Amino acid sequence: MSNLQAVNLFNIQGWVAVITGGGTGVGRMMATCLAQNGARVYITGRRLEKLQETAQGFSNIFPIVADSTKKEDIERIVAEIGKKEDHVDVLINNSGVTTVHAQLDAEDNSPEAVSKRMFEQSFDDWKDPYAINVAAMYFTTAAFIPLLVNAQKYRDESGNVINVTSVSGIIKNSQDGQFSYNSNKAAAVSLTNQLALELARPHLGIRVNQLALGYFPSQMTSIETEGEKDHFRKNWNVPFGRAGRADDISKVVLNLATNGYQSGSTQVVDGAYILASDHLHLDKYV
């Protein structure tokens, strides 16, 4: 029982971590957390300047410019990391994009107007985001399997995978016509569950969990975490009146990364995780 102190339970000193989309938002939060706790963190993304901003001030965060929707880039990432590391302890699939809204509720809510707003989206509005929100998770995870399994050389388990999904993939409503994005995220939730089952095979032993996130500041959700309490309560049904912060997500990431008995789980990190039928209608309290 002497090793149950937090410093031992969540010890990732010397770990090797890979985070896609590590240059902004939640990816930056997680990269900073892992680096501050002693991991060597490789972050990927399409914009070098954003990756460099995340790495600034850290000697153990390493930027790699790459597009996670291109198989050749994924293979290059694995090869580049493989030249420096012989294993990976945790892979975090974080890259993602938002999609267009159909905006169900508007001034004109006639059947014809609703139909027009829903139909004016293109097929590309559905297909293109799927590549980064879902398929990239699959191909990146597949490519890293050998390095993840090699973690057994140093610990009693393989490396593990954390997929960043969204509460939008779990809830039943469209969030005012966000059909494409919510469907993308629901697919990511399903993919994570499949990977958790299939990669648990004894000769692989890779744990796979997911973070179903709510409102965190990012390029997709640009609102600040402070000073907007009425907005969060009225428009986003967040009783606590704020978006998520770096410390909120860091606590969960450290747990998923180090808990060797946890796989196939969906960790909801959202102060507003209330199903549509159970909304508190907080606007009347604002």
Protein backbone atom coordinates (compact mmCIF):
# COMPACT_ATOMS: atom_id res chain seq x y z
CA MET A 1 0.00 0.00 0.00
CA SER A 2 3.02 2.30 0.23
CA ASN A 3 2.91 3.14 -3.49
CA LEU A 4 -0.59 4.62 -3.54
CA GLN A 5 0.53 8.23 -3.43
CA ALA A 6 -0.53 10.26 -6.46
CA VAL A 7 3.08 10.90 -7.45
CA ASN A 8 3.55 7.15 -7.90
CA LEU A 9 0.13 6.29 -9.32
CA PHE A 10 0.45 8.76 -12.18
CA ASN A 11 4.18 8.54 -12.76
CA ILE A 12 5.00 8.93 -16.47
CA GLN A 13 8.60 10.03 -16.04
CA GLY A 14 10.56 8.94 -19.10
CA TRP A 15 7.49 7.86 -21.07
CA VAL A 16 7.25 8.39 -24.82
CA ALA A 17 4.02 10.07 -25.93
CA VAL A 18 2.64 10.96 -29.35
CA ILE A 19 -0.18 13.49 -29.80
CA THR A 20 -1.75 14.31 -33.15
CA GLY A 21 -3.09 17.83 -33.44
CA GLY A 22 -0.79 18.91 -30.63
CA GLY A 23 -0.32 22.49 -31.76
CA THR A 24 -3.53 24.06 -30.52
CA GLY A 25 -6.41 23.75 -28.06
CA VAL A 26 -6.84 20.49 -26.21
CA GLY A 27 -3.80 18.97 -27.94
CA ARG A 28 -1.60 21.72 -26.54
CA MET A 29 -3.09 21.25 -23.07
CA MET A 30 -2.34 17.52 -23.10
CA ALA A 31 1.16 17.95 -24.54
CA THR A 32 2.02 20.48 -21.84
CA CYS A 33 0.66 18.19 -19.12
CA LEU A 34 2.65 15.15 -20.27
CA ALA A 35 5.82 17.17 -20.79
CA GLN A 36 5.59 18.78 -17.35
CA ASN A 37 5.29 15.30 -15.87
CA GLY A 38 8.49 14.06 -17.51
CA ALA A 39 7.39 12.43 -20.76
CA ARG A 40 9.06 12.92 -24.12
CA VAL A 41 6.21 14.24 -26.24
CA TYR A 42 6.06 14.16 -30.03
CA ILE A 43 3.34 16.44 -31.41
CA THR A 44 2.09 16.45 -34.98
CA GLY A 45 0.05 18.86 -37.04
CA ARG A 46 -0.04 20.66 -40.36
CA ARG A 47 1.20 24.07 -39.15
CA LEU A 48 4.78 24.28 -37.93
CA GLU A 49 4.30 27.64 -36.20
CA LYS A 50 1.54 26.27 -33.98
CA LEU A 51 3.58 23.20 -33.08
CA GLN A 52 6.53 25.42 -32.23
CA GLU A 53 4.35 27.57 -29.99
CA THR A 54 3.38 24.47 -28.02
CA ALA A 55 7.00 23.32 -27.78
CA GLN A 56 8.35 26.71 -26.77
CA GLY A 57 10.10 26.52 -23.41
CA PHE A 58 10.18 22.71 -23.38
CA SER A 59 13.20 20.59 -24.20
CA ASN A 60 11.05 17.45 -24.26
CA ILE A 61 8.34 18.43 -26.77
CA PHE A 62 9.25 17.62 -30.37
CA PRO A 63 7.20 19.01 -33.31
CA ILE A 64 6.66 16.98 -36.47
CA VAL A 65 4.79 18.58 -39.37
CA ALA A 66 2.41 16.06 -40.90
CA ASP A 67 -1.12 15.62 -42.21
CA SER A 68 -2.91 12.78 -40.44
CA THR A 69 -5.20 12.24 -43.43
CA LYS A 70 -2.28 11.12 -45.59
CA LYS A 71 -0.95 7.59 -45.16
CA GLU A 72 2.51 8.59 -46.35
CA ASP A 73 2.67 11.25 -43.63
CA ILE A 74 1.56 8.77 -40.97
CA GLU A 75 4.26 6.32 -42.09
CA ARG A 76 6.82 9.12 -42.01
CA ILE A 77 5.82 10.07 -38.45
CA VAL A 78 6.24 6.49 -37.27
CA ALA A 79 9.59 6.16 -39.04
CA GLU A 80 10.89 9.47 -37.67
CA ILE A 81 9.90 8.63 -34.10
CA GLY A 82 11.19 5.07 -34.54
CA LYS A 83 14.67 6.42 -35.28
CA LYS A 84 14.75 8.09 -31.86
CA GLU A 85 12.58 5.79 -29.75
CA ASP A 86 12.15 2.03 -29.73
CA HIS A 87 8.66 2.19 -28.23
CA VAL A 88 5.66 4.44 -27.53
CA ASP A 89 3.89 4.43 -24.16
CA VAL A 90 0.81 6.43 -25.11
CA LEU A 91 -0.66 7.54 -28.43
CA ILE A 92 -3.30 10.27 -28.30
CA ASN A 93 -5.37 10.67 -31.46
CA ASN A 94 -6.55 14.24 -31.06
CA SER A 95 -6.70 15.74 -34.57
CA GLY A 96 -10.14 16.84 -35.66
CA VAL A 97 -12.19 19.45 -37.48
CA THR A 98 -15.66 20.86 -37.16
CA THR A 99 -18.29 20.76 -39.92
CA VAL A 100 -21.09 22.97 -41.21
CA HIS A 101 -24.44 23.30 -39.43
CA ALA A 102 -27.86 22.95 -41.00
CA GLN A 103 -29.29 25.40 -38.41
CA LEU A 104 -32.66 23.84 -37.72
CA ASP A 105 -34.03 26.74 -35.69
CA ALA A 106 -34.23 30.04 -37.55
CA GLU A 107 -36.71 32.84 -38.18
CA ASP A 108 -38.33 30.87 -40.97
CA ASN A 109 -39.08 27.37 -39.70
CA SER A 110 -41.52 26.31 -42.37
CA PRO A 111 -41.09 22.76 -43.69
CA GLU A 112 -39.71 24.16 -46.94
CA ALA A 113 -37.16 26.36 -45.14
CA VAL A 114 -35.96 23.56 -42.86
CA SER A 115 -35.66 21.23 -45.84
CA LYS A 116 -33.66 23.82 -47.79
CA ARG A 117 -31.20 24.51 -44.94
CA MET A 118 -30.61 20.80 -44.40
CA PHE A 119 -30.27 20.00 -48.11
CA GLU A 120 -27.93 22.85 -49.04
CA GLN A 121 -24.98 21.02 -47.47
CA SER A 122 -22.79 19.12 -49.91
CA PHE A 123 -21.68 15.51 -49.76
CA ASP A 124 -18.15 16.83 -49.26
CA ASP A 125 -19.34 18.53 -46.06
CA TRP A 126 -19.92 15.01 -44.78
CA LYS A 127 -17.08 13.08 -46.41
CA ASP A 128 -14.10 15.39 -45.96
CA PRO A 129 -14.28 15.82 -42.15
CA TYR A 130 -14.66 12.03 -41.76
CA ALA A 131 -11.09 11.59 -42.99
CA ILE A 132 -9.57 13.44 -40.03
CA ASN A 133 -12.25 12.83 -37.40
CA VAL A 134 -12.44 9.05 -37.89
CA ALA A 135 -10.21 7.46 -40.54
CA ALA A 136 -7.05 9.21 -39.29
CA MET A 137 -7.58 7.59 -35.87
CA TYR A 138 -7.73 4.18 -37.49
CA PHE A 139 -4.66 4.51 -39.72
CA THR A 140 -2.53 6.26 -37.07
CA THR A 141 -3.32 3.62 -34.47
CA ALA A 142 -2.62 0.81 -36.94
CA ALA A 143 0.75 2.28 -37.89
CA PHE A 144 1.89 2.62 -34.28
CA ILE A 145 0.98 -0.90 -33.13
CA PRO A 146 4.57 -2.28 -33.22
CA LEU A 147 5.98 0.66 -31.21
CA LEU A 148 3.09 0.43 -28.74
CA VAL A 149 3.69 -3.28 -28.18
CA ASN A 150 7.41 -2.62 -27.68
CA ALA A 151 6.59 -0.74 -24.47
CA GLN A 152 6.48 -4.20 -22.87
CA LYS A 153 10.28 -4.08 -22.86
CA TYR A 154 10.15 -1.51 -20.09
CA ARG A 155 6.84 -2.08 -18.32
CA ASP A 156 4.48 -4.98 -17.74
CA GLU A 157 2.09 -3.79 -20.45
CA SER A 158 1.98 -2.47 -23.98
CA GLY A 159 1.51 1.18 -24.73
CA ASN A 160 -2.04 2.48 -24.83
CA VAL A 161 -4.21 4.64 -27.07
CA ILE A 162 -6.45 7.56 -26.11
CA ASN A 163 -8.88 8.78 -28.77
CA VAL A 164 -10.32 12.26 -28.36
CA THR A 165 -13.96 12.05 -29.42
CA SER A 166 -16.83 14.25 -28.22
CA VAL A 167 -20.08 14.27 -26.27
CA SER A 168 -21.55 15.20 -29.66
CA GLY A 169 -21.03 11.57 -30.64
CA ILE A 170 -23.05 10.33 -27.67
CA ILE A 171 -26.02 12.67 -27.30
CA LYS A 172 -29.19 12.07 -29.29
CA ASN A 173 -30.00 15.53 -30.63
CA SER A 174 -28.25 17.34 -33.49
CA GLN A 175 -27.27 20.44 -31.49
CA ASP A 176 -29.17 22.74 -33.86
CA GLY A 177 -28.44 20.92 -37.08
CA GLN A 178 -24.90 19.70 -36.43
CA PHE A 179 -25.72 16.43 -38.17
CA SER A 180 -22.44 15.91 -39.99
CA TYR A 181 -20.15 16.61 -37.02
CA ASN A 182 -22.21 14.56 -34.58
CA SER A 183 -22.29 11.64 -37.01
CA ASN A 184 -18.52 11.92 -37.45
CA LYS A 185 -18.02 11.80 -33.70
CA ALA A 186 -20.45 8.93 -33.25
CA ALA A 187 -18.37 7.00 -35.78
CA ALA A 188 -15.23 7.84 -33.79
CA VAL A 189 -16.91 6.52 -30.65
CA SER A 190 -17.77 3.27 -32.44
CA LEU A 191 -14.27 2.95 -33.90
CA THR A 192 -12.72 3.38 -30.46
CA ASN A 193 -14.91 0.63 -29.02
CA GLN A 194 -13.91 -1.70 -31.86
CA LEU A 195 -10.20 -0.96 -31.44
CA ALA A 196 -10.44 -1.52 -27.69
CA LEU A 197 -11.83 -5.00 -28.27
CA GLU A 198 -9.63 -6.06 -31.17
CA LEU A 199 -6.30 -4.70 -29.87
CA ALA A 200 -6.77 -6.36 -26.48
CA ARG A 201 -5.72 -9.67 -28.07
CA PRO A 202 -3.06 -11.26 -25.85
CA HIS A 203 -0.21 -10.91 -28.36
CA LEU A 204 -0.93 -7.16 -28.62
CA GLY A 205 -2.33 -6.17 -25.23
CA ILE A 206 -3.00 -2.55 -26.22
CA ARG A 207 -5.53 -0.64 -24.13
CA VAL A 208 -7.78 1.83 -25.99
CA ASN A 209 -9.92 4.44 -24.24
CA GLN A 210 -11.60 7.65 -25.28
CA LEU A 211 -12.17 11.18 -24.02
CA ALA A 212 -15.65 12.40 -24.94
CA LEU A 213 -15.10 16.12 -24.50
CA GLY A 214 -17.53 18.95 -24.08
CA TYR A 215 -16.71 22.63 -24.38
CA PHE A 216 -12.98 23.32 -24.24
CA PRO A 217 -11.41 26.43 -25.80
CA SER A 218 -9.96 25.62 -29.22
CA GLN A 219 -10.14 26.76 -32.80
CA MET A 220 -13.41 24.86 -33.08
CA THR A 221 -14.75 26.31 -29.81
CA SER A 222 -13.10 29.68 -29.50
CA ILE A 223 -14.99 31.06 -26.51
CA GLU A 224 -12.84 31.88 -23.49
CA THR A 225 -13.06 29.90 -20.27
CA GLU A 226 -13.78 32.88 -18.04
CA GLY A 227 -16.10 35.86 -18.17
CA GLU A 228 -18.89 34.15 -20.09
CA LYS A 229 -20.82 32.42 -17.31
CA ASP A 230 -24.24 33.62 -18.41
CA HIS A 231 -23.53 32.56 -21.98
CA PHE A 232 -22.50 29.06 -20.93
CA ARG A 233 -25.52 28.58 -18.72
CA LYS A 234 -28.08 30.04 -21.11
CA ASN A 235 -26.85 28.85 -24.49
CA TRP A 236 -24.81 25.74 -23.71
CA ASN A 237 -26.61 24.49 -20.60
CA VAL A 238 -23.43 24.37 -18.51
CA PRO A 239 -24.42 24.72 -14.83
CA PHE A 240 -20.85 25.58 -13.82
CA GLY A 241 -20.71 28.55 -16.18
CA ARG A 242 -17.40 27.88 -17.90
CA ALA A 243 -15.58 25.83 -20.49
CA GLY A 244 -13.09 23.12 -19.60
CA ARG A 245 -9.55 24.02 -18.55
CA ALA A 246 -6.15 22.41 -18.92
CA ASP A 247 -6.22 21.01 -15.39
CA ASP A 248 -9.63 19.42 -16.00
CA ILE A 249 -8.44 17.37 -18.95
CA SER A 250 -4.96 16.69 -17.57
CA LYS A 251 -6.32 14.78 -14.58
CA VAL A 252 -8.28 12.45 -16.83
CA VAL A 253 -5.47 11.98 -19.37
CA LEU A 254 -3.00 10.95 -16.66
CA ASN A 255 -5.50 8.44 -15.32
CA LEU A 256 -6.25 6.84 -18.68
CA ALA A 257 -2.58 6.71 -19.64
CA THR A 258 -1.47 4.98 -16.42
CA ASN A 259 -4.45 2.82 -15.41
CA GLY A 260 -3.45 -0.60 -16.70
CA TYR A 261 -6.84 -2.10 -15.82
CA GLN A 262 -8.92 0.32 -17.85
CA SER A 263 -9.78 -0.21 -21.49
CA GLY A 264 -12.81 0.35 -23.69
CA SER A 265 -13.99 3.18 -21.47
CA THR A 266 -15.58 6.47 -22.50
CA GLN A 267 -14.55 9.25 -20.14
CA VAL A 268 -16.96 12.15 -20.48
CA VAL A 269 -15.31 15.46 -19.58
CA ASP A 270 -18.12 17.98 -19.86
CA GLY A 271 -19.85 20.16 -17.30
CA ALA A 272 -22.97 20.04 -19.49
CA TYR A 273 -23.34 16.33 -20.17
CA ILE A 274 -27.12 16.27 -19.92
CA LEU A 275 -29.21 14.40 -22.45
CA ALA A 276 -31.65 16.45 -24.49
CA SER A 277 -34.61 15.07 -22.55
CA ASP A 278 -33.04 16.13 -19.25
CA HIS A 279 -32.07 19.74 -20.02
CA LEU A 280 -32.22 22.01 -17.00
CA HIS A 281 -33.22 25.04 -19.07
CA LEU A 282 -30.74 27.17 -17.19
CA ASP A 283 -31.70 30.27 -19.16
CA LYS A 284 -34.48 30.97 -16.68
CA TYR A 285 -31.91 31.29 -13.89
CA VAL A 286 -29.67 33.75 -15.75
